[in-house]
Amino acid sequence: MHHITQKIIQAAGQVILGKEQQIRLALACILARGHLLIEDLPGMGKTTLAHTLAQVLGLDFRRIQFTSDLLPADILGVSVYDRNNSVFKFHPGPVFTNVLLADEVNRATPKTQSALLEVMEEGQVTLEGETRPLPKPFFVIATQNPTHHIGTFPLPESQLDRFLMRIQLGYPDADSERSLLKSNGGRGSISGLQACVDGRQLLELQQAVDAIHISDALLDYLQALLNYTRNSPRYTAGLSPRAGLALKQCAQAWAMMQGRDFALPEDVQAVLPGVAGHRLQTASGTDMHDVAAELLAAVTIP
């Protein structure tokens, strides 16, 4: 499994230059069966990363540009009356795919944002009394601009919690940016990428993540991290049991990507900023990496 994940990372790195750590985190999120939120300034490569991941994973891909006038039916689908047969016929929305890119998700109204709640949690769509399952594998990659930008609607905590991980890309280093300038952006090379796996193989990789061993000592460490956030006055609310499961699953995925069949505290520490950064809130609005660094420093490994 290790060589397959390395192949995926190397292929994605041909387009997303100098961001191996972010690619690894994004892949760990997908292998852990989670949804990914990419938050950064416009033009940092958020959409390009989503396109690239869908291409190298060999999955069907659909993109929705979220705007203030977008309606839930534009995402989920709608029933239209067929005069010839005197019946209503359901027209599936773009959510019926393997990879859904929700581009600039925080530009849509809360009503439209909430259309993704059932989709992300249950992997299904319920409309007009009928439940329709989504294809497997299925995951959402959402992008959003910082919430202080004009025309954005901050995602509520319940929506943020549906995302297993949130990452930021940041500015490229000098060498990567030079290569980017020479290649005119590199987005045109996405279509030339060869798929490293297909949907069936991705499901097998996700099942392999579940088999990664978690020792009782590591569970003690996980619980110590959770309990610290719940008891510390620094945080407005502690990490939920769902966040604890997310941290465990991402640590297992990270361990598999390192070529191990067991997880270590270092795996937990590697994924903690992405898993906890959007779930922990402080009165001072500390950056997600600072929050994670302070938490790791405060809780020692048993």
C-alpha atoms as a PDB file:
ATOM      1  CA  MET A   1       0.000   0.000   0.000  1.00  0.00           C
ATOM      2  CA  HIS A   2       2.915   2.317   0.769  1.00  0.00           C
ATOM      3  CA  HIS A   3       4.227   2.311  -2.802  1.00  0.00           C
ATOM      4  CA  ILE A   4       0.753   3.119  -4.164  1.00  0.00           C
ATOM      5  CA  THR A   5       0.338   6.145  -1.914  1.00  0.00           C
ATOM      6  CA  GLN A   6       3.858   7.322  -2.795  1.00  0.00           C
ATOM      7  CA  LYS A   7       2.982   7.068  -6.471  1.00  0.00           C
ATOM      8  CA  ILE A   8      -0.135   9.194  -5.909  1.00  0.00           C
ATOM      9  CA  ILE A   9       1.856  11.833  -3.989  1.00  0.00           C
ATOM     10  CA  GLN A  10       4.554  12.010  -6.657  1.00  0.00           C
ATOM     11  CA  ALA A  11       1.995  12.341  -9.451  1.00  0.00           C
ATOM     12  CA  ALA A  12       0.127  15.144  -7.680  1.00  0.00           C
ATOM     13  CA  GLY A  13       3.443  16.858  -6.940  1.00  0.00           C
ATOM     14  CA  GLN A  14       4.021  17.311 -10.675  1.00  0.00           C
ATOM     15  CA  VAL A  15       1.234  19.908 -10.675  1.00  0.00           C
ATOM     16  CA  ILE A  16       1.127  21.161  -7.068  1.00  0.00           C
ATOM     17  CA  LEU A  17       4.753  22.217  -6.769  1.00  0.00           C
ATOM     18  CA  GLY A  18       6.554  22.403  -3.442  1.00  0.00           C
ATOM     19  CA  LYS A  19       3.511  21.351  -1.386  1.00  0.00           C
ATOM     20  CA  GLU A  20       4.213  17.701  -0.576  1.00  0.00           C
ATOM     21  CA  GLN A  21       3.089  18.066   3.036  1.00  0.00           C
ATOM     22  CA  GLN A  22      -0.290  19.503   1.994  1.00  0.00           C
ATOM     23  CA  ILE A  23      -0.715  16.764  -0.633  1.00  0.00           C
ATOM     24  CA  ARG A  24       0.030  14.139   2.018  1.00  0.00           C
ATOM     25  CA  LEU A  25      -2.504  15.644   4.398  1.00  0.00           C
ATOM     26  CA  ALA A  26      -5.159  15.809   1.670  1.00  0.00           C
ATOM     27  CA  LEU A  27      -4.539  12.175   0.725  1.00  0.00           C
ATOM     28  CA  ALA A  28      -4.641  11.095   4.379  1.00  0.00           C
ATOM     29  CA  CYS A  29      -8.028  12.791   4.697  1.00  0.00           C
ATOM     30  CA  ILE A  30      -9.377  10.918   1.679  1.00  0.00           C
ATOM     31  CA  LEU A  31      -7.954   7.570   2.811  1.00  0.00           C
ATOM     32  CA  ALA A  32      -9.659   8.139   6.167  1.00  0.00           C
ATOM     33  CA  ARG A  33     -12.992   8.498   4.309  1.00  0.00           C
ATOM     34  CA  GLY A  34     -13.257  12.179   5.153  1.00  0.00           C
ATOM     35  CA  HIS A  35     -14.146  15.441   3.477  1.00  0.00           C
ATOM     36  CA  LEU A  36     -11.514  18.109   2.944  1.00  0.00           C
ATOM     37  CA  LEU A  37     -11.745  21.877   3.404  1.00  0.00           C
ATOM     38  CA  ILE A  38      -9.032  23.999   1.779  1.00  0.00           C
ATOM     39  CA  GLU A  39      -8.957  27.565   3.071  1.00  0.00           C
ATOM     40  CA  ASP A  40      -6.636  30.195   1.672  1.00  0.00           C
ATOM     41  CA  LEU A  41      -6.413  33.415  -0.287  1.00  0.00           C
ATOM     42  CA  PRO A  42      -7.653  33.482  -3.917  1.00  0.00           C
ATOM     43  CA  GLY A  43      -5.159  32.215  -6.467  1.00  0.00           C
ATOM     44  CA  MET A  44      -3.225  29.884  -4.156  1.00  0.00           C
ATOM     45  CA  GLY A  45      -4.056  26.666  -6.039  1.00  0.00           C
ATOM     46  CA  LYS A  46      -7.019  25.359  -4.026  1.00  0.00           C
ATOM     47  CA  THR A  47      -9.090  24.372  -7.052  1.00  0.00           C
ATOM     48  CA  THR A  48      -6.039  23.009  -8.867  1.00  0.00           C
ATOM     49  CA  LEU A  49      -5.307  20.676  -5.946  1.00  0.00           C
ATOM     50  CA  ALA A  50      -8.870  19.328  -6.023  1.00  0.00           C
ATOM     51  CA  HIS A  51      -8.702  18.733  -9.801  1.00  0.00           C
ATOM     52  CA  THR A  52      -5.330  17.023  -9.461  1.00  0.00           C
ATOM     53  CA  LEU A  53      -6.461  14.660  -6.706  1.00  0.00           C
ATOM     54  CA  ALA A  54      -9.518  13.598  -8.690  1.00  0.00           C
ATOM     55  CA  GLN A  55      -7.346  12.940 -11.758  1.00  0.00           C
ATOM     56  CA  VAL A  56      -4.659  10.838 -10.039  1.00  0.00           C
ATOM     57  CA  LEU A  57      -7.299   8.865  -8.102  1.00  0.00           C
ATOM     58  CA  GLY A  58      -9.149   8.039 -11.321  1.00  0.00           C
ATOM     59  CA  LEU A  59     -12.532   9.259 -10.075  1.00  0.00           C
ATOM     60  CA  ASP A  60     -15.516  11.054 -11.585  1.00  0.00           C
ATOM     61  CA  PHE A  61     -15.323  14.736 -10.765  1.00  0.00           C
ATOM     62  CA  ARG A  62     -17.861  17.564 -10.690  1.00  0.00           C
ATOM     63  CA  ARG A  63     -17.429  21.184  -9.717  1.00  0.00           C
ATOM     64  CA  ILE A  64     -19.992  23.616  -8.318  1.00  0.00           C
ATOM     65  CA  GLN A  65     -19.212  27.314  -8.133  1.00  0.00           C
ATOM     66  CA  PHE A  66     -20.979  28.485  -4.985  1.00  0.00           C
ATOM     67  CA  THR A  67     -22.597  31.912  -5.249  1.00  0.00           C
ATOM     68  CA  SER A  68     -25.100  33.852  -3.181  1.00  0.00           C
ATOM     69  CA  ASP A  69     -27.991  32.914  -5.518  1.00  0.00           C
ATOM     70  CA  LEU A  70     -27.229  29.178  -5.645  1.00  0.00           C
ATOM     71  CA  LEU A  71     -30.159  26.997  -4.519  1.00  0.00           C
ATOM     72  CA  PRO A  72     -30.134  23.547  -2.850  1.00  0.00           C
ATOM     73  CA  ALA A  73     -31.777  22.072  -5.972  1.00  0.00           C
ATOM     74  CA  ASP A  74     -28.768  23.228  -8.017  1.00  0.00           C
ATOM     75  CA  ILE A  75     -26.661  20.847  -5.921  1.00  0.00           C
ATOM     76  CA  LEU A  76     -28.955  17.919  -5.142  1.00  0.00           C
ATOM     77  CA  GLY A  77     -31.190  17.769  -8.212  1.00  0.00           C
ATOM     78  CA  VAL A  78     -34.849  18.395  -8.994  1.00  0.00           C
ATOM     79  CA  SER A  79     -37.935  16.546 -10.234  1.00  0.00           C
ATOM     80  CA  VAL A  80     -39.383  17.813 -13.507  1.00  0.00           C
ATOM     81  CA  TYR A  81     -42.830  16.898 -14.823  1.00  0.00           C
ATOM     82  CA  ASP A  82     -42.732  14.735 -17.974  1.00  0.00           C
ATOM     83  CA  ARG A  83     -45.847  15.566 -20.004  1.00  0.00           C
ATOM     84  CA  ASN A  84     -45.500  12.601 -22.334  1.00  0.00           C
ATOM     85  CA  ASN A  85     -45.586  10.048 -19.521  1.00  0.00           C
ATOM     86  CA  SER A  86     -47.515  12.155 -16.971  1.00  0.00           C
ATOM     87  CA  VAL A  87     -44.913  11.534 -14.258  1.00  0.00           C
ATOM     88  CA  PHE A  88     -42.273  13.500 -12.424  1.00  0.00           C
ATOM     89  CA  LYS A  89     -38.751  12.527 -13.471  1.00  0.00           C
ATOM     90  CA  PHE A  90     -35.821  13.136 -11.147  1.00  0.00           C
ATOM     91  CA  HIS A  91     -32.822  14.891 -12.666  1.00  0.00           C
ATOM     92  CA  PRO A  92     -29.769  14.217 -10.465  1.00  0.00           C
ATOM     93  CA  GLY A  93     -27.677  17.189  -9.446  1.00  0.00           C
ATOM     94  CA  PRO A  94     -23.882  17.384  -9.649  1.00  0.00           C
ATOM     95  CA  VAL A  95     -23.587  15.846  -6.169  1.00  0.00           C
ATOM     96  CA  PHE A  96     -24.048  12.403  -7.749  1.00  0.00           C
ATOM     97  CA  THR A  97     -20.366  11.845  -8.453  1.00  0.00           C
ATOM     98  CA  ASN A  98     -17.233  10.528  -6.708  1.00  0.00           C
ATOM     99  CA  VAL A  99     -15.485  13.843  -6.065  1.00  0.00           C
ATOM    100  CA  LEU A 100     -17.536  16.998  -5.572  1.00  0.00           C
ATOM    101  CA  LEU A 101     -15.628  20.262  -5.608  1.00  0.00           C
ATOM    102  CA  ALA A 102     -17.595  22.885  -3.689  1.00  0.00           C
ATOM    103  CA  ASP A 103     -15.688  25.924  -4.891  1.00  0.00           C
ATOM    104  CA  GLU A 104     -15.836  28.970  -2.594  1.00  0.00           C
ATOM    105  CA  VAL A 105     -18.398  27.196  -0.411  1.00  0.00           C
ATOM    106  CA  ASN A 106     -18.707  30.145   1.973  1.00  0.00           C
ATOM    107  CA  ARG A 107     -20.079  32.431  -0.747  1.00  0.00           C
ATOM    108  CA  ALA A 108     -23.402  30.562  -0.674  1.00  0.00           C
ATOM    109  CA  THR A 109     -26.157  31.321   1.819  1.00  0.00           C
ATOM    110  CA  PRO A 110     -26.556  29.136   4.935  1.00  0.00           C
ATOM    111  CA  LYS A 111     -29.642  27.507   3.376  1.00  0.00           C
ATOM    112  CA  THR A 112     -27.613  26.281   0.425  1.00  0.00           C
ATOM    113  CA  GLN A 113     -24.655  25.294   2.590  1.00  0.00           C
ATOM    114  CA  SER A 114     -26.972  23.104   4.662  1.00  0.00           C
ATOM    115  CA  ALA A 115     -27.839  21.069   1.554  1.00  0.00           C
ATOM    116  CA  LEU A 116     -24.462  19.382   2.001  1.00  0.00           C
ATOM    117  CA  LEU A 117     -25.084  18.231   5.575  1.00  0.00           C
ATOM    118  CA  GLU A 118     -26.851  14.940   4.803  1.00  0.00           C
ATOM    119  CA  VAL A 119     -24.662  14.382   1.757  1.00  0.00           C
ATOM    120  CA  MET A 120     -21.454  14.600   3.776  1.00  0.00           C
ATOM    121  CA  GLU A 121     -22.654  12.683   6.812  1.00  0.00           C
ATOM    122  CA  GLU A 122     -24.792   9.911   5.316  1.00  0.00           C
ATOM    123  CA  GLY A 123     -23.587   9.668   1.707  1.00  0.00           C
ATOM    124  CA  GLN A 124     -27.133   9.991   0.421  1.00  0.00           C
ATOM    125  CA  VAL A 125     -29.729  12.489  -0.772  1.00  0.00           C
ATOM    126  CA  THR A 126     -33.320  12.515   0.522  1.00  0.00           C
ATOM    127  CA  LEU A 127     -35.742  14.433  -1.667  1.00  0.00           C
ATOM    128  CA  GLU A 128     -39.539  14.205  -1.884  1.00  0.00           C
ATOM    129  CA  GLY A 129     -39.625  11.265   0.531  1.00  0.00           C
ATOM    130  CA  GLU A 130     -37.140   9.147  -1.432  1.00  0.00           C
ATOM    131  CA  THR A 131     -33.558   8.435  -0.392  1.00  0.00           C
ATOM    132  CA  ARG A 132     -30.977   8.060  -3.138  1.00  0.00           C
ATOM    133  CA  PRO A 133     -27.487   6.743  -2.297  1.00  0.00           C
ATOM    134  CA  LEU A 134     -24.423   8.449  -3.722  1.00  0.00           C
ATOM    135  CA  PRO A 135     -21.680   6.583  -5.608  1.00  0.00           C
ATOM    136  CA  LYS A 136     -18.820   5.053  -3.640  1.00  0.00           C
ATOM    137  CA  PRO A 137     -16.243   6.312  -2.992  1.00  0.00           C
ATOM    138  CA  PHE A 138     -17.655   9.794  -2.421  1.00  0.00           C
ATOM    139  CA  PHE A 139     -16.081  12.807  -0.794  1.00  0.00           C
ATOM    140  CA  VAL A 140     -16.346  16.577  -0.885  1.00  0.00           C
ATOM    141  CA  ILE A 141     -13.404  18.879  -1.407  1.00  0.00           C
ATOM    142  CA  ALA A 142     -14.520  22.388  -0.513  1.00  0.00           C
ATOM    143  CA  THR A 143     -12.552  25.588  -0.933  1.00  0.00           C
ATOM    144  CA  GLN A 144     -13.190  28.830   0.840  1.00  0.00           C
ATOM    145  CA  ASN A 145     -11.665  32.276   1.054  1.00  0.00           C
ATOM    146  CA  PRO A 146     -10.877  33.733   4.484  1.00  0.00           C
ATOM    147  CA  THR A 147     -14.099  34.734   6.228  1.00  0.00           C
ATOM    148  CA  HIS A 148     -13.167  38.412   6.397  1.00  0.00           C
ATOM    149  CA  HIS A 149     -13.463  38.684   2.601  1.00  0.00           C
ATOM    150  CA  ILE A 150     -16.467  40.558   1.206  1.00  0.00           C
ATOM    151  CA  GLY A 151     -19.492  38.430   0.234  1.00  0.00           C
ATOM    152  CA  THR A 152     -18.785  35.423   2.420  1.00  0.00           C
ATOM    153  CA  PHE A 153     -21.076  33.608   4.866  1.00  0.00           C
ATOM    154  CA  PRO A 154     -19.065  31.881   7.609  1.00  0.00           C
ATOM    155  CA  LEU A 155     -19.677  28.147   7.831  1.00  0.00           C
ATOM    156  CA  PRO A 156     -21.526  27.212  11.057  1.00  0.00           C
ATOM    157  CA  GLU A 157     -19.819  24.877  13.518  1.00  0.00           C
ATOM    158  CA  SER A 158     -22.069  21.960  12.517  1.00  0.00           C
ATOM    159  CA  GLN A 159     -20.982  22.336   8.892  1.00  0.00           C
ATOM    160  CA  LEU A 160     -17.303  22.768   9.750  1.00  0.00           C
ATOM    161  CA  ASP A 161     -17.428  19.612  11.855  1.00  0.00           C
ATOM    162  CA  ARG A 162     -18.460  17.600   8.779  1.00  0.00           C
ATOM    163  CA  PHE A 163     -15.013  18.245   7.325  1.00  0.00           C
ATOM    164  CA  LEU A 164     -12.519  15.712   8.598  1.00  0.00           C
ATOM    165  CA  MET A 165      -9.626  18.058   7.892  1.00  0.00           C
ATOM    166  CA  ARG A 166      -8.884  21.660   6.958  1.00  0.00           C
ATOM    167  CA  ILE A 167      -5.606  22.621   5.325  1.00  0.00           C
ATOM    168  CA  GLN A 168      -3.984  25.746   3.935  1.00  0.00           C
ATOM    169  CA  LEU A 169      -1.600  25.857   0.977  1.00  0.00           C
ATOM    170  CA  GLY A 170       0.260  29.104   1.589  1.00  0.00           C
ATOM    171  CA  TYR A 171       2.664  30.837  -0.754  1.00  0.00           C
ATOM    172  CA  PRO A 172       5.125  28.673  -2.714  1.00  0.00           C
ATOM    173  CA  ASP A 173       8.857  28.759  -2.057  1.00  0.00           C
ATOM    174  CA  ALA A 174      11.101  30.609  -4.511  1.00  0.00           C
ATOM    175  CA  ASP A 175      12.156  27.554  -6.552  1.00  0.00           C
ATOM    176  CA  SER A 176       8.606  26.229  -6.866  1.00  0.00           C
ATOM    177  CA  GLU A 177       7.302  29.632  -7.881  1.00  0.00           C
ATOM    178  CA  ARG A 178      10.011  29.937 -10.547  1.00  0.00           C
ATOM    179  CA  SER A 179       8.978  26.564 -11.987  1.00  0.00           C
ATOM    180  CA  LEU A 180       5.345  27.669 -11.794  1.00  0.00           C
ATOM    181  CA  LEU A 181       6.095  30.846 -13.746  1.00  0.00           C
ATOM    182  CA  LYS A 182       8.014  28.931 -16.404  1.00  0.00           C
ATOM    183  CA  SER A 183       5.160  26.455 -16.900  1.00  0.00           C
ATOM    184  CA  ASN A 184       2.460  29.149 -17.033  1.00  0.00           C
ATOM    185  CA  GLY A 185       0.689  27.762 -14.008  1.00  0.00           C
ATOM    186  CA  GLY A 186       0.791  24.033 -14.701  1.00  0.00           C
ATOM    187  CA  ARG A 187      -3.009  23.574 -14.708  1.00  0.00           C
ATOM    188  CA  GLY A 188      -2.915  22.465 -18.346  1.00  0.00           C
ATOM    189  CA  SER A 189      -0.847  19.453 -17.325  1.00  0.00           C
ATOM    190  CA  ILE A 190      -3.623  18.015 -15.121  1.00  0.00           C
ATOM    191  CA  SER A 191      -5.360  16.321 -18.040  1.00  0.00           C
ATOM    192  CA  GLY A 192      -2.099  14.591 -18.922  1.00  0.00           C
ATOM    193  CA  LEU A 193      -1.761  12.950 -15.508  1.00  0.00           C
ATOM    194  CA  GLN A 194      -2.260   9.208 -15.441  1.00  0.00           C
ATOM    195  CA  ALA A 195      -4.623   7.786 -12.823  1.00  0.00           C
ATOM    196  CA  CYS A 196      -2.632   5.884 -10.194  1.00  0.00           C
ATOM    197  CA  VAL A 197      -5.655   3.966  -8.863  1.00  0.00           C
ATOM    198  CA  ASP A 198      -9.343   3.561  -9.620  1.00  0.00           C
ATOM    199  CA  GLY A 199     -12.431   3.660  -7.441  1.00  0.00           C
ATOM    200  CA  ARG A 200     -12.195   0.000  -6.434  1.00  0.00           C
ATOM    201  CA  GLN A 201      -8.534   0.297  -5.455  1.00  0.00           C
ATOM    202  CA  LEU A 202      -9.233   3.451  -3.456  1.00  0.00           C
ATOM    203  CA  LEU A 203     -11.889   1.581  -1.472  1.00  0.00           C
ATOM    204  CA  GLU A 204      -9.308  -1.142  -0.766  1.00  0.00           C
ATOM    205  CA  LEU A 205      -6.846   1.484   0.467  1.00  0.00           C
ATOM    206  CA  GLN A 206      -9.520   2.905   2.763  1.00  0.00           C
ATOM    207  CA  GLN A 207     -10.200  -0.570   4.151  1.00  0.00           C
ATOM    208  CA  ALA A 208      -6.459  -1.045   4.725  1.00  0.00           C
ATOM    209  CA  VAL A 209      -6.431   2.125   6.830  1.00  0.00           C
ATOM    210  CA  ASP A 210      -9.013   0.581   9.176  1.00  0.00           C
ATOM    211  CA  ALA A 211      -6.623  -2.341   9.768  1.00  0.00           C
ATOM    212  CA  ILE A 212      -3.754  -0.130  11.009  1.00  0.00           C
ATOM    213  CA  HIS A 213      -3.128  -1.059  14.659  1.00  0.00           C
ATOM    214  CA  ILE A 214      -3.801   1.490  17.399  1.00  0.00           C
ATOM    215  CA  SER A 215      -2.300   0.524  20.765  1.00  0.00           C
ATOM    216  CA  ASP A 216      -3.950   1.205  24.110  1.00  0.00           C
ATOM    217  CA  ALA A 217      -1.085   3.565  24.965  1.00  0.00           C
ATOM    218  CA  LEU A 218      -1.793   5.625  21.840  1.00  0.00           C
ATOM    219  CA  LEU A 219      -5.494   5.708  22.715  1.00  0.00           C
ATOM    220  CA  ASP A 220      -4.457   7.079  26.113  1.00  0.00           C
ATOM    221  CA  TYR A 221      -2.590   9.860  24.318  1.00  0.00           C
ATOM    222  CA  LEU A 222      -5.580  10.611  22.101  1.00  0.00           C
ATOM    223  CA  GLN A 223      -7.883  10.812  25.096  1.00  0.00           C
ATOM    224  CA  ALA A 224      -5.425  13.033  26.950  1.00  0.00           C
ATOM    225  CA  LEU A 225      -5.491  15.476  24.029  1.00  0.00           C
ATOM    226  CA  LEU A 226      -9.286  15.447  23.935  1.00  0.00           C
ATOM    227  CA  ASN A 227      -9.667  15.889  27.675  1.00  0.00           C
ATOM    228  CA  TYR A 228      -7.221  18.789  27.762  1.00  0.00           C
ATOM    229  CA  THR A 229      -9.269  20.753  25.224  1.00  0.00           C
ATOM    230  CA  ARG A 230     -12.461  20.080  27.201  1.00  0.00           C
ATOM    231  CA  ASN A 231     -11.028  21.186  30.539  1.00  0.00           C
ATOM    232  CA  SER A 232      -8.826  24.074  29.492  1.00  0.00           C
ATOM    233  CA  PRO A 233     -10.366  27.569  29.821  1.00  0.00           C
ATOM    234  CA  ARG A 234      -8.414  28.615  26.726  1.00  0.00           C
ATOM    235  CA  TYR A 235     -10.917  26.983  24.363  1.00  0.00           C
ATOM    236  CA  THR A 236     -14.545  28.011  24.002  1.00  0.00           C
ATOM    237  CA  ALA A 237     -15.465  24.343  23.410  1.00  0.00           C
ATOM    238  CA  GLY A 238     -13.437  21.143  23.532  1.00  0.00           C
ATOM    239  CA  LEU A 239     -12.999  18.530  20.837  1.00  0.00           C
ATOM    240  CA  SER A 240     -16.038  16.295  20.323  1.00  0.00           C
ATOM    241  CA  PRO A 241     -16.045  12.471  20.161  1.00  0.00           C
ATOM    242  CA  ARG A 242     -16.361  12.845  16.364  1.00  0.00           C
ATOM    243  CA  ALA A 243     -13.161  14.887  16.365  1.00  0.00           C
ATOM    244  CA  GLY A 244     -11.481  12.133  18.379  1.00  0.00           C
ATOM    245  CA  LEU A 245     -12.504   9.547  15.789  1.00  0.00           C
ATOM    246  CA  ALA A 246     -11.275  11.846  13.019  1.00  0.00           C
ATOM    247  CA  LEU A 247      -7.904  12.206  14.720  1.00  0.00           C
ATOM    248  CA  LYS A 248      -7.596   8.425  15.111  1.00  0.00           C
ATOM    249  CA  GLN A 249      -8.568   7.700  11.495  1.00  0.00           C
ATOM    250  CA  CYS A 250      -6.221  10.320  10.061  1.00  0.00           C
ATOM    251  CA  ALA A 251      -3.361   9.037  12.221  1.00  0.00           C
ATOM    252  CA  GLN A 252      -3.997   5.517  10.876  1.00  0.00           C
ATOM    253  CA  ALA A 253      -3.947   6.832   7.296  1.00  0.00           C
ATOM    254  CA  TRP A 254      -0.734   8.753   7.955  1.00  0.00           C
ATOM    255  CA  ALA A 255       0.883   5.616   9.402  1.00  0.00           C
ATOM    256  CA  MET A 256      -0.047   3.576   6.332  1.00  0.00           C
ATOM    257  CA  MET A 257       1.406   6.263   4.083  1.00  0.00           C
ATOM    258  CA  GLN A 258       4.647   5.936   6.056  1.00  0.00           C
ATOM    259  CA  GLY A 259       4.722   2.213   5.297  1.00  0.00           C
ATOM    260  CA  ARG A 260       3.766   0.995   8.781  1.00  0.00           C
ATOM    261  CA  ASP A 261       0.938  -1.259   9.966  1.00  0.00           C
ATOM    262  CA  PHE A 262       0.756   0.495  13.332  1.00  0.00           C
ATOM    263  CA  ALA A 263       0.309   4.129  14.375  1.00  0.00           C
ATOM    264  CA  LEU A 264       2.668   6.180  16.539  1.00  0.00           C
ATOM    265  CA  PRO A 265       2.261   9.434  18.500  1.00  0.00           C
ATOM    266  CA  GLU A 266       4.159  11.149  15.669  1.00  0.00           C
ATOM    267  CA  ASP A 267       1.301  10.246  13.305  1.00  0.00           C
ATOM    268  CA  VAL A 268      -1.205  11.904  15.621  1.00  0.00           C
ATOM    269  CA  GLN A 269       0.981  14.989  15.878  1.00  0.00           C
ATOM    270  CA  ALA A 270       1.364  15.223  12.092  1.00  0.00           C
ATOM    271  CA  VAL A 271      -2.379  15.357  11.406  1.00  0.00           C
ATOM    272  CA  LEU A 272      -3.503  17.271  14.522  1.00  0.00           C
ATOM    273  CA  PRO A 273      -3.318  20.790  12.986  1.00  0.00           C
ATOM    274  CA  GLY A 274      -5.558  19.783  10.088  1.00  0.00           C
ATOM    275  CA  VAL A 275      -8.045  17.871  12.234  1.00  0.00           C
ATOM    276  CA  ALA A 276      -8.307  20.194  15.245  1.00  0.00           C
ATOM    277  CA  GLY A 277      -7.555  23.610  13.750  1.00  0.00           C
ATOM    278  CA  HIS A 278     -11.097  24.304  12.518  1.00  0.00           C
ATOM    279  CA  ARG A 279     -12.788  22.675  15.513  1.00  0.00           C
ATOM    280  CA  LEU A 280     -11.000  24.478  18.336  1.00  0.00           C
ATOM    281  CA  GLN A 281     -11.832  28.130  18.916  1.00  0.00           C
ATOM    282  CA  THR A 282      -9.984  30.517  21.177  1.00  0.00           C
ATOM    283  CA  ALA A 283     -11.057  33.955  22.319  1.00  0.00           C
ATOM    284  CA  SER A 284      -8.018  35.478  20.607  1.00  0.00           C
ATOM    285  CA  GLY A 285      -8.630  33.735  17.264  1.00  0.00           C
ATOM    286  CA  THR A 286      -5.240  32.005  17.212  1.00  0.00           C
ATOM    287  CA  ASP A 287      -3.978  30.479  13.948  1.00  0.00           C
ATOM    288  CA  MET A 288      -4.709  26.763  13.503  1.00  0.00           C
ATOM    289  CA  HIS A 289      -1.008  25.814  13.593  1.00  0.00           C
ATOM    290  CA  ASP A 290      -0.425  27.830  16.767  1.00  0.00           C
ATOM    291  CA  VAL A 291      -3.423  26.161  18.415  1.00  0.00           C
ATOM    292  CA  ALA A 292      -2.064  22.726  17.531  1.00  0.00           C
ATOM    293  CA  ALA A 293       1.471  23.577  18.667  1.00  0.00           C
ATOM    294  CA  GLU A 294       0.204  24.828  22.035  1.00  0.00           C
ATOM    295  CA  LEU A 295      -1.948  21.715  22.495  1.00  0.00           C
ATOM    296  CA  LEU A 296       0.899  19.345  21.677  1.00  0.00           C
ATOM    297  CA  ALA A 297       3.219  21.219  24.014  1.00  0.00           C
ATOM    298  CA  ALA A 298       0.684  21.093  26.858  1.00  0.00           C
ATOM    299  CA  VAL A 299      -0.057  17.357  26.621  1.00  0.00           C
ATOM    300  CA  THR A 300       2.857  14.992  27.095  1.00  0.00           C
ATOM    301  CA  ILE A 301       3.002  11.526  25.585  1.00  0.00           C
ATOM    302  CA  PRO A 302       2.106   8.956  28.302  1.00  0.00           C
END
